Amino acid sequence: MIGFWILSILLIASAVFCITAKKPVYSVVGLLVNFIALAAMYLTLQAEFLAVMQIVVYSGAILILFVFVIALLSSGVRPFDVGPDKAPRIAIPAILFGVAALGIIVVTAIRSNPAVVKATGQDTGDAFAFGSVANFGEALFTTNLLPFEVTAFILMVAIVGVVLIAGDEGPGGVVRRKKKRAIEREPILKKERAIR
């Protein structure tokens, strides 16, 4: 029960941080913490498959998509300033967080919740038990098919939008060919207008 309250406070705090962060990269880090805490919450419910999918799909794929979107939106604005090396300062908190996460996973594995098995009469390894692959697939492709497809469409629209917004400039602010030709032809057009 204590683990549930710790994870729920961490989930709420990371969600608030994700929304209120001033820099988009900090929001992505807050979202990563939120996804990891949610995966730990799935582990406490003995839904190991959902926990692994939470890490692989959301923490792995969706967050990388968000990082690419942020990189594309900020490309061409100006060169990045190289600041001080912050890696040494983050080593100790990262190690502490990793040890704490490992401890939570070990405690959850040791104290596997027999109340869930007793209440449902099924173990998570059984077919169609809560958190099993069959249960997840049935819920995703029957009951929740429309929200799943709408989410995929929204992500695709976001990617196309970012590519269009990034538009005329390549990486590092390099003007692409069409715009470069137009810029090169502009003095010639001005001379022609002046002659007329």
N, C-alpha and C. Protein backbone atom coordinates (compact mmCIF):
# COMPACT_ATOMS: atom_id res chain seq x y z
N MET A 1 0.82 -1.20 0.00
CA MET A 1 0.00 0.00 0.00
C MET A 1 0.87 1.26 0.00
N ILE A 2 2.01 1.20 0.70
CA ILE A 2 2.90 2.36 0.73
C ILE A 2 3.47 2.60 -0.67
N GLY A 3 3.82 1.51 -1.38
CA GLY A 3 4.33 1.64 -2.73
C GLY A 3 3.33 2.31 -3.65
N PHE A 4 2.03 1.98 -3.48
CA PHE A 4 0.99 2.61 -4.29
C PHE A 4 0.97 4.12 -4.07
N TRP A 5 1.03 4.55 -2.82
CA TRP A 5 0.98 5.98 -2.52
C TRP A 5 2.23 6.71 -3.02
N ILE A 6 3.37 6.07 -2.89
CA ILE A 6 4.61 6.69 -3.39
C ILE A 6 4.54 6.83 -4.92
N LEU A 7 4.11 5.77 -5.58
CA LEU A 7 4.01 5.82 -7.04
C LEU A 7 2.95 6.81 -7.51
N SER A 8 1.83 6.89 -6.80
CA SER A 8 0.78 7.83 -7.23
C SER A 8 1.23 9.28 -7.03
N ILE A 9 1.94 9.57 -5.94
CA ILE A 9 2.47 10.92 -5.75
C ILE A 9 3.50 11.24 -6.83
N LEU A 10 4.34 10.26 -7.17
CA LEU A 10 5.34 10.46 -8.23
C LEU A 10 4.66 10.66 -9.59
N LEU A 11 3.59 9.92 -9.84
CA LEU A 11 2.85 10.08 -11.10
C LEU A 11 2.26 11.48 -11.21
N ILE A 12 1.61 11.94 -10.15
CA ILE A 12 0.98 13.27 -10.19
C ILE A 12 2.03 14.36 -10.29
N ALA A 13 3.11 14.25 -9.50
CA ALA A 13 4.16 15.28 -9.52
C ALA A 13 4.84 15.35 -10.88
N SER A 14 5.13 14.20 -11.48
CA SER A 14 5.80 14.22 -12.80
C SER A 14 4.86 14.74 -13.88
N ALA A 15 3.56 14.47 -13.77
CA ALA A 15 2.61 14.99 -14.75
C ALA A 15 2.50 16.52 -14.64
N VAL A 16 2.47 17.03 -13.42
CA VAL A 16 2.42 18.48 -13.23
C VAL A 16 3.71 19.12 -13.73
N PHE A 17 4.86 18.49 -13.45
CA PHE A 17 6.13 19.02 -13.93
C PHE A 17 6.17 19.03 -15.46
N CYS A 18 5.64 17.97 -16.08
CA CYS A 18 5.63 17.88 -17.54
C CYS A 18 4.84 19.03 -18.16
N ILE A 19 3.75 19.41 -17.53
CA ILE A 19 2.91 20.48 -18.07
C ILE A 19 3.49 21.86 -17.78
N THR A 20 4.11 22.03 -16.62
CA THR A 20 4.56 23.36 -16.20
C THR A 20 6.01 23.66 -16.53
N ALA A 21 6.76 22.72 -17.07
CA ALA A 21 8.18 22.97 -17.37
C ALA A 21 8.31 24.04 -18.45
N LYS A 22 9.33 24.89 -18.30
CA LYS A 22 9.50 26.00 -19.22
C LYS A 22 10.17 25.58 -20.52
N LYS A 23 10.98 24.54 -20.49
CA LYS A 23 11.65 24.07 -21.70
C LYS A 23 11.04 22.73 -22.12
N PRO A 24 10.84 22.53 -23.42
CA PRO A 24 10.21 21.28 -23.88
C PRO A 24 11.01 20.03 -23.53
N VAL A 25 12.33 20.14 -23.50
CA VAL A 25 13.13 18.96 -23.17
C VAL A 25 12.89 18.55 -21.72
N TYR A 26 12.72 19.52 -20.83
CA TYR A 26 12.40 19.19 -19.44
C TYR A 26 11.03 18.52 -19.35
N SER A 27 10.09 18.93 -20.19
CA SER A 27 8.78 18.27 -20.22
C SER A 27 8.90 16.82 -20.64
N VAL A 28 9.78 16.55 -21.58
CA VAL A 28 9.99 15.16 -22.03
C VAL A 28 10.59 14.33 -20.89
N VAL A 29 11.51 14.92 -20.13
CA VAL A 29 12.08 14.20 -18.98
C VAL A 29 11.01 13.92 -17.94
N GLY A 30 10.14 14.90 -17.67
CA GLY A 30 9.04 14.67 -16.74
C GLY A 30 8.10 13.58 -17.23
N LEU A 31 7.86 13.55 -18.55
CA LEU A 31 7.01 12.51 -19.12
C LEU A 31 7.66 11.14 -19.01
N LEU A 32 8.99 11.09 -19.16
CA LEU A 32 9.71 9.83 -18.98
C LEU A 32 9.55 9.30 -17.56
N VAL A 33 9.71 10.18 -16.57
CA VAL A 33 9.52 9.76 -15.17
C VAL A 33 8.09 9.27 -14.96
N ASN A 34 7.12 9.95 -15.57
CA ASN A 34 5.73 9.54 -15.45
C ASN A 34 5.51 8.16 -16.04
N PHE A 35 6.07 7.89 -17.21
CA PHE A 35 5.91 6.58 -17.86
C PHE A 35 6.56 5.47 -17.04
N ILE A 36 7.73 5.75 -16.46
CA ILE A 36 8.41 4.73 -15.65
C ILE A 36 7.62 4.45 -14.38
N ALA A 37 7.08 5.49 -13.75
CA ALA A 37 6.27 5.29 -12.55
C ALA A 37 5.00 4.52 -12.88
N LEU A 38 4.41 4.78 -14.04
CA LEU A 38 3.22 4.04 -14.45
C LEU A 38 3.54 2.58 -14.70
N ALA A 39 4.72 2.31 -15.29
CA ALA A 39 5.14 0.92 -15.50
C ALA A 39 5.34 0.23 -14.15
N ALA A 40 5.90 0.93 -13.17
CA ALA A 40 6.05 0.35 -11.83
C ALA A 40 4.68 0.09 -11.21
N MET A 41 3.71 0.96 -11.47
CA MET A 41 2.35 0.75 -10.97
C MET A 41 1.74 -0.51 -11.59
N TYR A 42 1.99 -0.72 -12.87
CA TYR A 42 1.53 -1.97 -13.51
C TYR A 42 2.18 -3.18 -12.87
N LEU A 43 3.45 -3.07 -12.51
CA LEU A 43 4.12 -4.19 -11.85
C LEU A 43 3.48 -4.51 -10.51
N THR A 44 3.05 -3.49 -9.78
CA THR A 44 2.40 -3.76 -8.49
C THR A 44 1.06 -4.46 -8.68
N LEU A 45 0.46 -4.32 -9.85
CA LEU A 45 -0.81 -5.00 -10.15
C LEU A 45 -0.58 -6.36 -10.82
N GLN A 46 0.68 -6.78 -10.90
CA GLN A 46 1.07 -8.04 -11.53
C GLN A 46 0.71 -8.07 -13.01
N ALA A 47 0.76 -6.93 -13.66
CA ALA A 47 0.53 -6.85 -15.10
C ALA A 47 1.88 -6.60 -15.76
N GLU A 48 2.70 -7.66 -15.78
CA GLU A 48 4.08 -7.52 -16.27
C GLU A 48 4.13 -7.15 -17.74
N PHE A 49 3.24 -7.73 -18.54
CA PHE A 49 3.24 -7.42 -19.97
C PHE A 49 2.94 -5.95 -20.21
N LEU A 50 1.95 -5.41 -19.51
CA LEU A 50 1.62 -3.99 -19.67
C LEU A 50 2.78 -3.11 -19.22
N ALA A 51 3.49 -3.52 -18.17
CA ALA A 51 4.64 -2.74 -17.70
C ALA A 51 5.74 -2.71 -18.76
N VAL A 52 6.02 -3.86 -19.36
CA VAL A 52 7.05 -3.91 -20.40
C VAL A 52 6.63 -3.11 -21.62
N MET A 53 5.37 -3.22 -22.01
CA MET A 53 4.89 -2.45 -23.16
C MET A 53 4.92 -0.94 -22.87
N GLN A 54 4.64 -0.57 -21.64
CA GLN A 54 4.72 0.84 -21.25
C GLN A 54 6.14 1.37 -21.44
N ILE A 55 7.12 0.58 -21.05
CA ILE A 55 8.52 1.00 -21.19
C ILE A 55 8.93 1.00 -22.66
N VAL A 56 8.63 -0.09 -23.38
CA VAL A 56 9.11 -0.23 -24.76
C VAL A 56 8.41 0.76 -25.68
N VAL A 57 7.07 0.80 -25.64
CA VAL A 57 6.32 1.62 -26.60
C VAL A 57 6.37 3.09 -26.22
N TYR A 58 5.99 3.42 -25.00
CA TYR A 58 5.90 4.83 -24.65
C TYR A 58 7.26 5.43 -24.31
N SER A 59 7.99 4.82 -23.40
CA SER A 59 9.29 5.38 -23.03
C SER A 59 10.29 5.25 -24.16
N GLY A 60 10.16 4.22 -24.97
CA GLY A 60 11.10 4.02 -26.05
C GLY A 60 10.71 4.76 -27.31
N ALA A 61 9.52 4.51 -27.82
CA ALA A 61 9.14 5.04 -29.14
C ALA A 61 8.52 6.42 -29.08
N ILE A 62 7.52 6.60 -28.25
CA ILE A 62 6.79 7.87 -28.23
C ILE A 62 7.67 9.01 -27.75
N LEU A 63 8.47 8.77 -26.71
CA LEU A 63 9.34 9.84 -26.23
C LEU A 63 10.41 10.21 -27.24
N ILE A 64 10.92 9.22 -27.98
CA ILE A 64 11.89 9.53 -29.03
C ILE A 64 11.21 10.37 -30.11
N LEU A 65 9.95 10.06 -30.43
CA LEU A 65 9.20 10.87 -31.38
C LEU A 65 9.09 12.31 -30.89
N PHE A 66 8.78 12.50 -29.60
CA PHE A 66 8.68 13.85 -29.05
C PHE A 66 10.02 14.57 -29.12
N VAL A 67 11.11 13.86 -28.84
CA VAL A 67 12.44 14.48 -28.91
C VAL A 67 12.75 14.91 -30.34
N PHE A 68 12.39 14.08 -31.33
CA PHE A 68 12.60 14.46 -32.73
C PHE A 68 11.76 15.68 -33.09
N VAL A 69 10.53 15.73 -32.62
CA VAL A 69 9.66 16.89 -32.89
C VAL A 69 10.29 18.15 -32.32
N ILE A 70 10.78 18.08 -31.09
CA ILE A 70 11.43 19.23 -30.46
C ILE A 70 12.67 19.63 -31.25
N ALA A 71 13.45 18.65 -31.69
CA ALA A 71 14.66 18.95 -32.45
C ALA A 71 14.31 19.59 -33.80
N LEU A 72 13.25 19.11 -34.45
CA LEU A 72 12.87 19.70 -35.73
C LEU A 72 12.33 21.11 -35.56
N LEU A 73 11.57 21.35 -34.50
CA LEU A 73 11.03 22.69 -34.28
C LEU A 73 12.11 23.70 -33.97
N SER A 74 13.17 23.27 -33.31
CA SER A 74 14.22 24.21 -32.96
C SER A 74 15.33 24.25 -33.99
N SER A 75 15.25 23.42 -35.04
CA SER A 75 16.31 23.44 -36.05
C SER A 75 16.17 24.69 -36.90
N GLY A 76 17.28 25.26 -37.25
CA GLY A 76 17.27 26.41 -38.12
C GLY A 76 17.01 27.73 -37.43
N VAL A 77 16.68 27.71 -36.16
CA VAL A 77 16.43 28.95 -35.44
C VAL A 77 17.75 29.66 -35.20
N ARG A 78 18.66 28.98 -34.59
CA ARG A 78 20.00 29.50 -34.36
C ARG A 78 20.85 28.35 -33.86
N PRO A 79 22.14 28.46 -33.95
CA PRO A 79 22.99 27.38 -33.43
C PRO A 79 22.84 27.26 -31.92
N PHE A 80 22.94 26.03 -31.44
CA PHE A 80 22.81 25.80 -30.01
C PHE A 80 24.04 26.30 -29.28
N ASP A 81 23.80 26.91 -28.14
CA ASP A 81 24.91 27.33 -27.29
C ASP A 81 25.42 26.13 -26.52
N VAL A 82 26.71 25.95 -26.52
CA VAL A 82 27.30 24.85 -25.76
C VAL A 82 27.52 25.36 -24.34
N GLY A 83 26.77 24.80 -23.42
CA GLY A 83 26.86 25.23 -22.03
C GLY A 83 27.85 24.39 -21.25
N PRO A 84 27.83 24.56 -19.95
CA PRO A 84 28.74 23.76 -19.12
C PRO A 84 28.33 22.29 -19.13
N ASP A 85 29.28 21.43 -18.84
CA ASP A 85 29.04 19.99 -18.81
C ASP A 85 28.27 19.65 -17.53
N LYS A 86 27.03 19.20 -17.68
CA LYS A 86 26.18 18.90 -16.53
C LYS A 86 26.17 17.42 -16.18
N ALA A 87 26.88 16.62 -16.93
CA ALA A 87 26.88 15.18 -16.69
C ALA A 87 27.38 14.79 -15.31
N PRO A 88 28.47 15.38 -14.79
CA PRO A 88 28.92 14.97 -13.46
C PRO A 88 27.91 15.28 -12.35
N ARG A 89 27.14 16.36 -12.52
CA ARG A 89 26.17 16.71 -11.47
C ARG A 89 24.97 15.77 -11.44
N ILE A 90 24.65 15.15 -12.55
CA ILE A 90 23.47 14.30 -12.59
C ILE A 90 23.78 12.84 -12.29
N ALA A 91 25.05 12.49 -12.17
CA ALA A 91 25.43 11.09 -11.96
C ALA A 91 24.87 10.55 -10.64
N ILE A 92 25.05 11.28 -9.55
CA ILE A 92 24.59 10.78 -8.24
C ILE A 92 23.07 10.66 -8.18
N PRO A 93 22.27 11.68 -8.61
CA PRO A 93 20.81 11.47 -8.61
C PRO A 93 20.37 10.33 -9.51
N ALA A 94 21.04 10.14 -10.65
CA ALA A 94 20.67 9.05 -11.55
C ALA A 94 20.93 7.69 -10.91
N ILE A 95 22.06 7.57 -10.23
CA ILE A 95 22.38 6.31 -9.54
C ILE A 95 21.38 6.05 -8.42
N LEU A 96 21.05 7.10 -7.65
CA LEU A 96 20.08 6.93 -6.56
C LEU A 96 18.71 6.54 -7.10
N PHE A 97 18.29 7.17 -8.19
CA PHE A 97 17.01 6.83 -8.80
C PHE A 97 17.01 5.39 -9.31
N GLY A 98 18.10 4.98 -9.94
CA GLY A 98 18.20 3.61 -10.44
C GLY A 98 18.15 2.58 -9.34
N VAL A 99 18.86 2.86 -8.22
CA VAL A 99 18.85 1.93 -7.08
C VAL A 99 17.46 1.88 -6.46
N ALA A 100 16.80 3.04 -6.34
CA ALA A 100 15.44 3.07 -5.78
C ALA A 100 14.46 2.29 -6.68
N ALA A 101 14.57 2.49 -7.99
CA ALA A 101 13.69 1.77 -8.91
C ALA A 101 13.93 0.27 -8.85
N LEU A 102 15.20 -0.12 -8.78
CA LEU A 102 15.52 -1.54 -8.66
C LEU A 102 14.98 -2.11 -7.36
N GLY A 103 15.09 -1.34 -6.28
CA GLY A 103 14.55 -1.78 -4.99
C GLY A 103 13.04 -1.97 -5.04
N ILE A 104 12.35 -1.04 -5.69
CA ILE A 104 10.89 -1.15 -5.81
C ILE A 104 10.51 -2.39 -6.63
N ILE A 105 11.26 -2.65 -7.71
CA ILE A 105 10.96 -3.82 -8.53
C ILE A 105 11.20 -5.11 -7.76
N VAL A 106 12.30 -5.15 -6.99
CA VAL A 106 12.61 -6.35 -6.21
C VAL A 106 11.55 -6.58 -5.13
N VAL A 107 11.17 -5.51 -4.42
CA VAL A 107 10.15 -5.65 -3.38
C VAL A 107 8.82 -6.10 -3.99
N THR A 108 8.49 -5.55 -5.15
CA THR A 108 7.25 -5.95 -5.82
C THR A 108 7.29 -7.41 -6.24
N ALA A 109 8.44 -7.86 -6.74
CA ALA A 109 8.56 -9.25 -7.16
C ALA A 109 8.50 -10.20 -5.97
N ILE A 110 9.12 -9.79 -4.85
CA ILE A 110 9.13 -10.65 -3.67
C ILE A 110 7.74 -10.73 -3.05
N ARG A 111 7.09 -9.59 -2.98
CA ARG A 111 5.77 -9.54 -2.35
C ARG A 111 4.68 -9.59 -3.41
N SER A 112 4.77 -10.56 -4.33
CA SER A 112 3.75 -10.63 -5.36
C SER A 112 2.40 -10.73 -4.68
N ASN A 113 1.48 -9.97 -5.17
CA ASN A 113 0.21 -9.75 -4.50
C ASN A 113 -0.70 -10.97 -4.65
N PRO A 114 -0.81 -11.80 -3.61
CA PRO A 114 -1.69 -12.97 -3.73
C PRO A 114 -3.17 -12.58 -3.69
N ALA A 115 -3.48 -11.36 -3.26
CA ALA A 115 -4.88 -10.93 -3.20
C ALA A 115 -5.49 -10.85 -4.59
N VAL A 116 -4.70 -10.45 -5.60
CA VAL A 116 -5.22 -10.38 -6.96
C VAL A 116 -5.56 -11.77 -7.47
N VAL A 117 -4.67 -12.74 -7.21
CA VAL A 117 -4.92 -14.11 -7.64
C VAL A 117 -6.13 -14.67 -6.91
N LYS A 118 -6.24 -14.37 -5.61
CA LYS A 118 -7.35 -14.89 -4.82
C LYS A 118 -8.67 -14.27 -5.27
N ALA A 119 -8.67 -12.97 -5.60
CA ALA A 119 -9.91 -12.29 -5.98
C ALA A 119 -10.39 -12.70 -7.36
N THR A 120 -9.45 -12.86 -8.30
CA THR A 120 -9.85 -13.19 -9.67
C THR A 120 -9.82 -14.68 -9.95
N GLY A 121 -9.07 -15.42 -9.15
CA GLY A 121 -8.95 -16.84 -9.38
C GLY A 121 -8.00 -17.16 -10.53
N GLN A 122 -7.29 -16.15 -11.03
CA GLN A 122 -6.39 -16.36 -12.16
C GLN A 122 -5.04 -15.74 -11.85
N ASP A 123 -4.02 -16.37 -12.37
CA ASP A 123 -2.68 -15.81 -12.32
C ASP A 123 -2.45 -15.04 -13.62
N THR A 124 -1.52 -14.09 -13.61
CA THR A 124 -1.31 -13.29 -14.83
C THR A 124 -0.79 -14.12 -15.99
N GLY A 125 -0.25 -15.30 -15.73
CA GLY A 125 0.20 -16.16 -16.81
C GLY A 125 -0.93 -16.89 -17.50
N ASP A 126 -2.11 -16.94 -16.87
CA ASP A 126 -3.25 -17.62 -17.47
C ASP A 126 -3.80 -16.82 -18.65
N ALA A 127 -4.41 -17.52 -19.60
CA ALA A 127 -4.99 -16.84 -20.75
C ALA A 127 -6.16 -15.97 -20.30
N PHE A 128 -6.24 -14.78 -20.83
CA PHE A 128 -7.29 -13.80 -20.58
C PHE A 128 -7.36 -13.33 -19.13
N ALA A 129 -6.29 -13.53 -18.35
CA ALA A 129 -6.21 -12.93 -17.03
C ALA A 129 -5.87 -11.46 -17.18
N PHE A 130 -6.14 -10.67 -16.16
CA PHE A 130 -5.85 -9.24 -16.22
C PHE A 130 -4.35 -9.03 -16.45
N GLY A 131 -4.03 -8.24 -17.46
CA GLY A 131 -2.63 -7.94 -17.74
C GLY A 131 -1.96 -8.93 -18.67
N SER A 132 -2.66 -9.98 -19.07
CA SER A 132 -2.04 -10.96 -19.97
C SER A 132 -2.04 -10.40 -21.39
N VAL A 133 -1.28 -11.05 -22.26
CA VAL A 133 -1.19 -10.60 -23.65
C VAL A 133 -2.56 -10.73 -24.32
N ALA A 134 -3.25 -11.81 -24.06
CA ALA A 134 -4.56 -12.02 -24.69
C ALA A 134 -5.57 -10.98 -24.21
N ASN A 135 -5.57 -10.69 -22.92
CA ASN A 135 -6.48 -9.69 -22.37
C ASN A 135 -6.19 -8.32 -22.96
N PHE A 136 -4.91 -7.97 -23.04
CA PHE A 136 -4.51 -6.67 -23.58
C PHE A 136 -4.90 -6.55 -25.05
N GLY A 137 -4.62 -7.60 -25.83
CA GLY A 137 -4.95 -7.56 -27.25
C GLY A 137 -6.45 -7.48 -27.50
N GLU A 138 -7.23 -8.22 -26.71
CA GLU A 138 -8.68 -8.17 -26.87
C GLU A 138 -9.22 -6.78 -26.56
N ALA A 139 -8.73 -6.17 -25.47
CA ALA A 139 -9.21 -4.83 -25.11
C ALA A 139 -8.77 -3.79 -26.14
N LEU A 140 -7.57 -3.93 -26.67
CA LEU A 140 -7.04 -2.93 -27.60
C LEU A 140 -7.73 -3.00 -28.96
N PHE A 141 -7.98 -4.20 -29.46
CA PHE A 141 -8.49 -4.33 -30.82
C PHE A 141 -9.98 -4.61 -30.89
N THR A 142 -10.69 -4.55 -29.78
CA THR A 142 -12.15 -4.66 -29.83
C THR A 142 -12.77 -3.42 -29.18
N THR A 143 -12.66 -3.33 -27.87
CA THR A 143 -13.30 -2.25 -27.14
C THR A 143 -12.69 -0.89 -27.44
N ASN A 144 -11.35 -0.81 -27.50
CA ASN A 144 -10.66 0.46 -27.64
C ASN A 144 -10.01 0.65 -29.00
N LEU A 145 -10.57 0.07 -30.04
CA LEU A 145 -9.96 0.17 -31.36
C LEU A 145 -10.02 1.60 -31.90
N LEU A 146 -11.16 2.27 -31.76
CA LEU A 146 -11.29 3.63 -32.28
C LEU A 146 -10.32 4.61 -31.61
N PRO A 147 -10.22 4.65 -30.27
CA PRO A 147 -9.22 5.55 -29.67
C PRO A 147 -7.79 5.22 -30.09
N PHE A 148 -7.49 3.94 -30.29
CA PHE A 148 -6.16 3.52 -30.73
C PHE A 148 -5.86 4.08 -32.11
N GLU A 149 -6.80 3.97 -33.03
CA GLU A 149 -6.62 4.47 -34.40
C GLU A 149 -6.57 5.99 -34.43
N VAL A 150 -7.39 6.65 -33.62
CA VAL A 150 -7.39 8.12 -33.57
C VAL A 150 -6.04 8.63 -33.04
N THR A 151 -5.50 7.95 -32.05
CA THR A 151 -4.19 8.34 -31.51
C THR A 151 -3.11 8.19 -32.58
N ALA A 152 -3.13 7.12 -33.34
CA ALA A 152 -2.15 6.94 -34.41
C ALA A 152 -2.28 8.05 -35.45
N PHE A 153 -3.51 8.42 -35.79
CA PHE A 153 -3.74 9.49 -36.76
C PHE A 153 -3.23 10.84 -36.24
N ILE A 154 -3.48 11.13 -34.97
CA ILE A 154 -3.02 12.39 -34.39
C ILE A 154 -1.50 12.46 -34.38
N LEU A 155 -0.83 11.37 -34.06
CA LEU A 155 0.63 11.36 -34.08
C LEU A 155 1.16 11.58 -35.50
N MET A 156 0.49 10.99 -36.49
CA MET A 156 0.94 11.18 -37.87
C MET A 156 0.74 12.64 -38.29
N VAL A 157 -0.38 13.25 -37.94
CA VAL A 157 -0.62 14.65 -38.27
C VAL A 157 0.42 15.55 -37.60
N ALA A 158 0.80 15.22 -36.35
CA ALA A 158 1.81 16.01 -35.65
C ALA A 158 3.16 15.93 -36.35
N ILE A 159 3.52 14.75 -36.82
CA ILE A 159 4.81 14.60 -37.52
C ILE A 159 4.79 15.39 -38.83
N VAL A 160 3.72 15.29 -39.60
CA VAL A 160 3.63 16.03 -40.86
C VAL A 160 3.65 17.53 -40.59
N GLY A 161 2.97 17.97 -39.55
CA GLY A 161 2.96 19.39 -39.19
C GLY A 161 4.34 19.90 -38.84
N VAL A 162 5.10 19.12 -38.10
CA VAL A 162 6.46 19.54 -37.73
C VAL A 162 7.34 19.63 -38.96
N VAL A 163 7.20 18.68 -39.87
CA VAL A 163 8.01 18.72 -41.09
C VAL A 163 7.65 19.97 -41.91
N LEU A 164 6.37 20.32 -41.98
CA LEU A 164 5.97 21.51 -42.72
C LEU A 164 6.42 22.79 -42.03
N ILE A 165 6.37 22.80 -40.70
CA ILE A 165 6.82 23.98 -39.96
C ILE A 165 8.32 24.15 -40.11
N ALA A 166 9.07 23.05 -40.08
CA ALA A 166 10.51 23.14 -40.25
C ALA A 166 10.84 23.68 -41.63
N GLY A 167 9.98 23.38 -42.60
CA GLY A 167 9.92 23.96 -43.91
C GLY A 167 11.17 24.27 -44.67
N ASP A 168 11.45 25.56 -44.83
CA ASP A 168 12.43 26.02 -45.81
C ASP A 168 13.86 25.97 -45.33
N GLU A 169 14.09 25.64 -44.11
CA GLU A 169 15.46 25.63 -43.64
C GLU A 169 15.86 24.23 -43.24
N GLY A 170 17.06 23.89 -43.59
CA GLY A 170 17.59 22.59 -43.24
C GLY A 170 18.26 22.66 -41.88
N PRO A 171 19.01 21.66 -41.53
CA PRO A 171 19.68 21.64 -40.24
C PRO A 171 20.67 22.80 -40.10
N GLY A 172 20.70 23.40 -38.94
CA GLY A 172 21.65 24.47 -38.65
C GLY A 172 21.33 25.76 -39.37
N GLY A 173 20.09 25.93 -39.86
CA GLY A 173 19.71 27.17 -40.50
C GLY A 173 20.15 27.29 -41.94
N VAL A 174 20.58 26.21 -42.57
CA VAL A 174 21.01 26.24 -43.97
C VAL A 174 19.77 26.37 -44.84
N VAL A 175 19.76 27.37 -45.67
CA VAL A 175 18.60 27.60 -46.53
C VAL A 175 18.57 26.55 -47.62
N ARG A 176 17.40 25.99 -47.87
CA ARG A 176 17.28 24.97 -48.90
C ARG A 176 17.37 25.56 -50.30
N ARG A 177 17.44 24.69 -51.30
CA ARG A 177 17.75 25.10 -52.66
C ARG A 177 16.76 26.09 -53.26
N LYS A 178 15.46 25.82 -53.15
CA LYS A 178 14.47 26.70 -53.78
C LYS A 178 14.55 28.11 -53.19
N LYS A 179 14.61 28.18 -51.88
CA LYS A 179 14.66 29.49 -51.24
C LYS A 179 15.99 30.17 -51.58
N LYS A 180 17.05 29.40 -51.67
CA LYS A 180 18.37 29.97 -51.99
C LYS A 180 18.35 30.56 -53.40
N ARG A 181 17.73 29.86 -54.35
CA ARG A 181 17.63 30.38 -55.71
C ARG A 181 16.82 31.68 -55.74
N ALA A 182 15.72 31.71 -54.97
CA ALA A 182 14.89 32.91 -54.93
C ALA A 182 15.68 34.08 -54.33
N ILE A 183 16.47 33.82 -53.30
CA ILE A 183 17.28 34.87 -52.69
C ILE A 183 18.35 35.35 -53.66
N GLU A 184 18.95 34.43 -54.43
CA GLU A 184 19.98 34.80 -55.39
C GLU A 184 19.39 35.60 -56.56
N ARG A 185 18.15 35.31 -56.95
CA ARG A 185 17.52 36.01 -58.08
C ARG A 185 16.95 37.36 -57.68
N GLU A 186 16.80 37.63 -56.41
CA GLU A 186 16.16 38.88 -55.97
C GLU A 186 16.90 40.13 -56.46
N PRO A 187 18.25 40.23 -56.37
CA PRO A 187 18.92 41.43 -56.90
C PRO A 187 18.70 41.61 -58.41
N ILE A 188 18.64 40.52 -59.15
CA ILE A 188 18.41 40.60 -60.59
C ILE A 188 17.02 41.15 -60.86
N LEU A 189 16.02 40.68 -60.10
CA LEU A 189 14.66 41.18 -60.27
C LEU A 189 14.56 42.65 -59.92
N LYS A 190 15.31 43.09 -58.90
CA LYS A 190 15.29 44.51 -58.51
C LYS A 190 15.88 45.37 -59.63
N LYS A 191 16.95 44.90 -60.26
CA LYS A 191 17.56 45.65 -61.36
C LYS A 191 16.59 45.74 -62.54
N GLU A 192 15.90 44.65 -62.85
CA GLU A 192 14.94 44.65 -63.94
C GLU A 192 13.80 45.63 -63.66
N ARG A 193 13.32 45.68 -62.41
CA ARG A 193 12.26 46.61 -62.05
C ARG A 193 12.75 48.06 -62.14
N ALA A 194 14.00 48.31 -61.77
CA ALA A 194 14.55 49.65 -61.82
C ALA A 194 14.70 50.13 -63.27
N ILE A 195 15.02 49.22 -64.18
CA ILE A 195 15.17 49.57 -65.59
C ILE A 195 13.83 49.96 -66.18
N ARG A 196 12.78 49.26 -65.78
CA ARG A 196 11.43 49.53 -66.32
C ARG A 196 10.95 50.81 -65.75
